[in-house]
Amino acid sequence: MRLNGRAFCLTIFVDDTDTWQHKPLFTEIVHRAHAFGLAGATVFRGVEGYGATSIVHTTRLLSMADDLPVAIVIVDEVDRIRAFMPQLEELPISGLITLQEVEVVHYKGREGAGT
């Protein structure tokens, strides 16, 4: 797949303890993006953060080490990202979802990847 120029970056913020059918919610989102054929998805685990509840969760305090922030970042062409969005509607996402226009300046997989 070639991805060049104008694209969209879809970012979904959830808690690391959020689940869907007994699996981590972020895993379900990545697998749906993969099955949909999107260019790529990456999960970033936060070490500290807060959201709509204004409760700060951090790895520094054991009592607050639950519900750490996780960001799933997906980049692809604008139309493909928009077509994927309905895949998220049935999931229990109680976090923030953002879309940003980005410019892809380099996208190249390793030789033989996926074979």
N, C-alpha and C. Protein backbone atom coordinates (compact mmCIF):
# COMPACT_ATOMS: atom_id res chain seq x y z
N MET A 1 0.83 -1.18 0.00
CA MET A 1 0.00 0.00 0.00
C MET A 1 0.87 1.24 0.00
N ARG A 2 0.48 2.21 -0.80
CA ARG A 2 1.20 3.47 -0.83
C ARG A 2 0.34 4.51 -0.15
N LEU A 3 0.96 5.29 0.71
CA LEU A 3 0.29 6.37 1.40
C LEU A 3 1.20 7.57 1.32
N ASN A 4 0.72 8.60 0.66
CA ASN A 4 1.53 9.78 0.42
C ASN A 4 0.66 11.02 0.47
N GLY A 5 1.20 12.11 0.96
CA GLY A 5 0.48 13.37 0.93
C GLY A 5 -0.58 13.48 2.01
N ARG A 6 -1.73 14.04 1.63
CA ARG A 6 -2.81 14.32 2.58
C ARG A 6 -3.41 13.02 3.12
N ALA A 7 -3.57 12.95 4.43
CA ALA A 7 -4.17 11.80 5.09
C ALA A 7 -4.84 12.28 6.37
N PHE A 8 -5.48 11.36 7.06
CA PHE A 8 -6.10 11.67 8.35
C PHE A 8 -5.45 10.81 9.43
N CYS A 9 -5.35 11.39 10.61
CA CYS A 9 -4.89 10.67 11.79
C CYS A 9 -6.07 10.59 12.75
N LEU A 10 -6.52 9.38 12.99
CA LEU A 10 -7.61 9.11 13.93
C LEU A 10 -6.97 8.68 15.24
N THR A 11 -7.29 9.39 16.31
CA THR A 11 -6.76 9.05 17.63
C THR A 11 -7.92 8.78 18.57
N ILE A 12 -7.87 7.63 19.23
CA ILE A 12 -8.92 7.22 20.16
C ILE A 12 -8.28 7.05 21.53
N PHE A 13 -8.77 7.80 22.51
CA PHE A 13 -8.25 7.74 23.87
C PHE A 13 -9.21 6.92 24.73
N VAL A 14 -8.69 5.87 25.36
CA VAL A 14 -9.47 5.03 26.26
C VAL A 14 -8.62 4.74 27.49
N ASP A 15 -9.20 4.02 28.44
CA ASP A 15 -8.44 3.56 29.60
C ASP A 15 -7.88 2.18 29.31
N ASP A 16 -6.74 1.87 29.90
CA ASP A 16 -6.14 0.56 29.64
C ASP A 16 -6.95 -0.59 30.24
N THR A 17 -7.89 -0.30 31.12
CA THR A 17 -8.71 -1.34 31.72
C THR A 17 -10.05 -1.52 30.99
N ASP A 18 -10.34 -0.69 29.99
CA ASP A 18 -11.58 -0.84 29.22
C ASP A 18 -11.53 -2.13 28.42
N THR A 19 -12.67 -2.85 28.40
CA THR A 19 -12.71 -4.13 27.70
C THR A 19 -13.90 -4.21 26.74
N TRP A 20 -13.78 -5.15 25.81
CA TRP A 20 -14.85 -5.50 24.88
C TRP A 20 -14.81 -7.02 24.75
N GLN A 21 -15.86 -7.67 25.16
CA GLN A 21 -15.96 -9.12 25.10
C GLN A 21 -14.73 -9.80 25.72
N HIS A 22 -14.39 -9.36 26.91
CA HIS A 22 -13.33 -9.93 27.74
C HIS A 22 -11.91 -9.71 27.18
N LYS A 23 -11.77 -8.79 26.23
CA LYS A 23 -10.45 -8.44 25.68
C LYS A 23 -10.24 -6.95 25.90
N PRO A 24 -8.99 -6.51 25.93
CA PRO A 24 -8.76 -5.06 26.02
C PRO A 24 -9.43 -4.34 24.84
N LEU A 25 -10.07 -3.23 25.12
CA LEU A 25 -10.76 -2.47 24.09
C LEU A 25 -9.79 -2.01 23.01
N PHE A 26 -8.58 -1.60 23.41
CA PHE A 26 -7.61 -1.14 22.41
C PHE A 26 -7.23 -2.25 21.45
N THR A 27 -7.20 -3.50 21.92
CA THR A 27 -6.91 -4.63 21.05
C THR A 27 -8.01 -4.81 20.01
N GLU A 28 -9.25 -4.69 20.44
CA GLU A 28 -10.38 -4.81 19.52
C GLU A 28 -10.32 -3.73 18.43
N ILE A 29 -9.99 -2.52 18.82
CA ILE A 29 -9.92 -1.42 17.86
C ILE A 29 -8.82 -1.68 16.83
N VAL A 30 -7.65 -2.10 17.30
CA VAL A 30 -6.53 -2.38 16.38
C VAL A 30 -6.91 -3.52 15.42
N HIS A 31 -7.53 -4.56 15.94
CA HIS A 31 -7.90 -5.70 15.09
C HIS A 31 -8.97 -5.31 14.06
N ARG A 32 -9.89 -4.44 14.45
CA ARG A 32 -10.89 -3.96 13.49
C ARG A 32 -10.22 -3.11 12.41
N ALA A 33 -9.28 -2.26 12.79
CA ALA A 33 -8.57 -1.44 11.81
C ALA A 33 -7.79 -2.32 10.84
N HIS A 34 -7.16 -3.36 11.36
CA HIS A 34 -6.40 -4.29 10.53
C HIS A 34 -7.31 -5.03 9.55
N ALA A 35 -8.43 -5.55 10.07
CA ALA A 35 -9.37 -6.28 9.23
C ALA A 35 -9.98 -5.36 8.16
N PHE A 36 -10.12 -4.09 8.47
CA PHE A 36 -10.67 -3.11 7.53
C PHE A 36 -9.65 -2.76 6.45
N GLY A 37 -8.38 -3.10 6.70
CA GLY A 37 -7.32 -2.84 5.72
C GLY A 37 -6.70 -1.47 5.82
N LEU A 38 -6.81 -0.84 6.99
CA LEU A 38 -6.20 0.49 7.14
C LEU A 38 -4.67 0.38 7.14
N ALA A 39 -4.04 1.48 6.79
CA ALA A 39 -2.58 1.49 6.58
C ALA A 39 -1.79 1.10 7.83
N GLY A 40 -2.25 1.52 9.01
CA GLY A 40 -1.51 1.17 10.21
C GLY A 40 -2.19 1.70 11.46
N ALA A 41 -1.93 1.03 12.57
CA ALA A 41 -2.46 1.44 13.87
C ALA A 41 -1.41 1.15 14.93
N THR A 42 -1.29 2.05 15.89
CA THR A 42 -0.34 1.89 16.98
C THR A 42 -1.02 2.26 18.28
N VAL A 43 -0.72 1.51 19.35
CA VAL A 43 -1.26 1.79 20.67
C VAL A 43 -0.13 2.37 21.52
N PHE A 44 -0.41 3.51 22.14
CA PHE A 44 0.53 4.15 23.06
C PHE A 44 -0.07 4.13 24.46
N ARG A 45 0.68 3.57 25.41
CA ARG A 45 0.21 3.52 26.80
C ARG A 45 0.79 4.72 27.54
N GLY A 46 -0.10 5.46 28.19
CA GLY A 46 0.34 6.63 28.95
C GLY A 46 0.82 6.24 30.33
N VAL A 47 1.68 7.05 30.88
CA VAL A 47 2.16 6.82 32.24
C VAL A 47 1.44 7.73 33.23
N GLU A 48 0.74 8.73 32.70
CA GLU A 48 -0.01 9.62 33.56
C GLU A 48 -1.01 10.39 32.71
N GLY A 49 -2.17 10.68 33.28
CA GLY A 49 -3.13 11.46 32.54
C GLY A 49 -4.46 11.57 33.26
N TYR A 50 -5.33 12.42 32.72
CA TYR A 50 -6.69 12.54 33.22
C TYR A 50 -7.59 12.91 32.06
N GLY A 51 -8.86 12.71 32.26
CA GLY A 51 -9.83 13.01 31.20
C GLY A 51 -11.01 13.75 31.77
N ALA A 52 -12.20 13.39 31.29
CA ALA A 52 -13.42 14.11 31.66
C ALA A 52 -13.71 14.07 33.16
N THR A 53 -13.23 13.04 33.85
CA THR A 53 -13.49 12.95 35.30
C THR A 53 -12.57 13.84 36.11
N SER A 54 -11.52 14.35 35.50
CA SER A 54 -10.50 15.19 36.16
C SER A 54 -9.73 14.47 37.25
N ILE A 55 -9.79 13.15 37.27
CA ILE A 55 -8.99 12.35 38.21
C ILE A 55 -7.68 12.00 37.53
N VAL A 56 -6.56 12.36 38.15
CA VAL A 56 -5.26 12.07 37.58
C VAL A 56 -4.89 10.63 37.93
N HIS A 57 -4.57 9.85 36.90
CA HIS A 57 -4.12 8.47 37.08
C HIS A 57 -2.64 8.44 36.71
N THR A 58 -1.86 7.77 37.51
CA THR A 58 -0.42 7.76 37.30
C THR A 58 0.18 6.43 37.73
N THR A 59 1.30 6.09 37.13
CA THR A 59 2.02 4.88 37.53
C THR A 59 2.82 5.14 38.80
N ARG A 60 2.96 6.39 39.22
CA ARG A 60 3.77 6.72 40.39
C ARG A 60 3.08 6.38 41.71
N LEU A 61 1.75 6.33 41.71
CA LEU A 61 1.01 5.99 42.92
C LEU A 61 0.26 4.70 42.68
N LEU A 62 0.54 3.68 43.47
CA LEU A 62 -0.10 2.39 43.24
C LEU A 62 -1.62 2.49 43.28
N SER A 63 -2.16 3.35 44.13
CA SER A 63 -3.61 3.46 44.25
C SER A 63 -4.24 4.08 43.01
N MET A 64 -3.47 4.77 42.19
CA MET A 64 -4.00 5.43 41.00
C MET A 64 -3.47 4.80 39.71
N ALA A 65 -2.87 3.61 39.82
CA ALA A 65 -2.25 2.98 38.66
C ALA A 65 -3.26 2.28 37.75
N ASP A 66 -4.54 2.27 38.13
CA ASP A 66 -5.58 1.71 37.27
C ASP A 66 -6.08 2.78 36.31
N ASP A 67 -6.69 2.33 35.25
CA ASP A 67 -7.30 3.24 34.27
C ASP A 67 -6.30 4.22 33.68
N LEU A 68 -5.12 3.74 33.35
CA LEU A 68 -4.14 4.61 32.72
C LEU A 68 -4.57 4.89 31.28
N PRO A 69 -4.20 6.05 30.77
CA PRO A 69 -4.61 6.40 29.42
C PRO A 69 -3.91 5.57 28.36
N VAL A 70 -4.67 5.25 27.31
CA VAL A 70 -4.15 4.56 26.14
C VAL A 70 -4.63 5.33 24.92
N ALA A 71 -3.73 5.57 23.97
CA ALA A 71 -4.11 6.23 22.73
C ALA A 71 -3.87 5.27 21.58
N ILE A 72 -4.91 5.06 20.78
CA ILE A 72 -4.79 4.26 19.57
C ILE A 72 -4.72 5.24 18.41
N VAL A 73 -3.65 5.20 17.66
CA VAL A 73 -3.44 6.14 16.56
C VAL A 73 -3.49 5.37 15.25
N ILE A 74 -4.36 5.82 14.35
CA ILE A 74 -4.55 5.16 13.06
C ILE A 74 -4.41 6.22 11.97
N VAL A 75 -3.59 5.94 10.96
CA VAL A 75 -3.39 6.89 9.86
C VAL A 75 -3.72 6.21 8.55
N ASP A 76 -4.50 6.88 7.71
CA ASP A 76 -4.82 6.39 6.38
C ASP A 76 -5.43 7.54 5.59
N GLU A 77 -5.84 7.22 4.37
CA GLU A 77 -6.47 8.22 3.52
C GLU A 77 -7.78 8.68 4.15
N VAL A 78 -8.15 9.92 3.87
CA VAL A 78 -9.32 10.54 4.47
C VAL A 78 -10.58 9.68 4.29
N ASP A 79 -10.85 9.25 3.08
CA ASP A 79 -12.07 8.47 2.81
C ASP A 79 -12.07 7.14 3.55
N ARG A 80 -10.92 6.51 3.67
CA ARG A 80 -10.83 5.22 4.35
C ARG A 80 -11.05 5.38 5.86
N ILE A 81 -10.50 6.44 6.44
CA ILE A 81 -10.71 6.69 7.87
C ILE A 81 -12.19 6.97 8.13
N ARG A 82 -12.79 7.80 7.31
CA ARG A 82 -14.22 8.13 7.49
C ARG A 82 -15.09 6.88 7.33
N ALA A 83 -14.75 6.01 6.40
CA ALA A 83 -15.51 4.77 6.21
C ALA A 83 -15.35 3.82 7.40
N PHE A 84 -14.22 3.90 8.09
CA PHE A 84 -13.96 3.04 9.25
C PHE A 84 -14.70 3.50 10.50
N MET A 85 -15.00 4.77 10.61
CA MET A 85 -15.59 5.34 11.82
C MET A 85 -16.82 4.58 12.34
N PRO A 86 -17.74 4.10 11.48
CA PRO A 86 -18.89 3.33 12.00
C PRO A 86 -18.48 2.06 12.75
N GLN A 87 -17.29 1.53 12.48
CA GLN A 87 -16.79 0.35 13.20
C GLN A 87 -16.65 0.64 14.70
N LEU A 88 -16.51 1.90 15.06
CA LEU A 88 -16.29 2.28 16.46
C LEU A 88 -17.59 2.49 17.22
N GLU A 89 -18.70 2.66 16.49
CA GLU A 89 -19.96 3.05 17.13
C GLU A 89 -20.50 2.02 18.11
N GLU A 90 -20.33 0.73 17.86
CA GLU A 90 -20.87 -0.28 18.77
C GLU A 90 -19.96 -0.56 19.96
N LEU A 91 -18.76 0.01 19.95
CA LEU A 91 -17.82 -0.23 21.04
C LEU A 91 -18.07 0.74 22.19
N PRO A 92 -17.82 0.30 23.43
CA PRO A 92 -18.07 1.15 24.60
C PRO A 92 -16.93 2.15 24.84
N ILE A 93 -16.75 3.06 23.93
CA ILE A 93 -15.67 4.04 24.05
C ILE A 93 -16.19 5.22 24.88
N SER A 94 -15.64 5.35 26.07
CA SER A 94 -16.02 6.48 26.92
C SER A 94 -14.80 7.37 27.08
N GLY A 95 -14.24 7.71 25.96
CA GLY A 95 -13.07 8.58 25.95
C GLY A 95 -13.21 9.58 24.83
N LEU A 96 -12.12 10.09 24.38
CA LEU A 96 -12.07 11.12 23.36
C LEU A 96 -11.63 10.50 22.03
N ILE A 97 -12.28 10.94 20.95
CA ILE A 97 -11.88 10.53 19.60
C ILE A 97 -11.60 11.81 18.82
N THR A 98 -10.43 11.88 18.19
CA THR A 98 -10.09 13.06 17.41
C THR A 98 -9.68 12.67 16.00
N LEU A 99 -9.86 13.61 15.09
CA LEU A 99 -9.40 13.48 13.71
C LEU A 99 -8.53 14.68 13.39
N GLN A 100 -7.40 14.42 12.78
CA GLN A 100 -6.52 15.49 12.36
C GLN A 100 -6.09 15.25 10.93
N GLU A 101 -6.05 16.30 10.15
CA GLU A 101 -5.47 16.18 8.83
C GLU A 101 -3.96 16.20 9.00
N VAL A 102 -3.29 15.27 8.34
CA VAL A 102 -1.82 15.19 8.41
C VAL A 102 -1.26 15.06 7.00
N GLU A 103 0.01 15.31 6.88
CA GLU A 103 0.71 15.09 5.63
C GLU A 103 1.69 13.95 5.82
N VAL A 104 1.52 12.90 5.05
CA VAL A 104 2.43 11.76 5.12
C VAL A 104 3.63 12.08 4.24
N VAL A 105 4.80 12.09 4.85
CA VAL A 105 6.02 12.38 4.08
C VAL A 105 6.84 11.13 3.82
N HIS A 106 6.56 10.05 4.56
CA HIS A 106 7.27 8.80 4.34
C HIS A 106 6.43 7.66 4.89
N TYR A 107 6.21 6.63 4.08
CA TYR A 107 5.51 5.43 4.52
C TYR A 107 6.02 4.28 3.69
N LYS A 108 6.82 3.43 4.32
CA LYS A 108 7.38 2.30 3.60
C LYS A 108 7.53 1.14 4.58
N GLY A 109 7.00 0.00 4.20
CA GLY A 109 7.12 -1.19 5.02
C GLY A 109 8.45 -1.89 4.76
N ARG A 110 8.77 -2.83 5.62
CA ARG A 110 9.97 -3.63 5.43
C ARG A 110 9.78 -4.58 4.28
N GLU A 111 10.85 -4.91 3.60
CA GLU A 111 10.80 -5.88 2.50
C GLU A 111 10.35 -7.22 3.05
N GLY A 112 9.40 -7.84 2.39
CA GLY A 112 8.93 -9.16 2.78
C GLY A 112 7.95 -9.15 3.91
N ALA A 113 7.58 -7.96 4.44
CA ALA A 113 6.62 -7.89 5.54
C ALA A 113 5.26 -8.38 5.06
N GLY A 114 4.60 -9.15 5.89
CA GLY A 114 3.27 -9.64 5.58
C GLY A 114 3.24 -10.84 4.66
N THR A 115 4.40 -11.40 4.35
CA THR A 115 4.43 -12.59 3.49
C THR A 115 4.66 -13.82 4.32
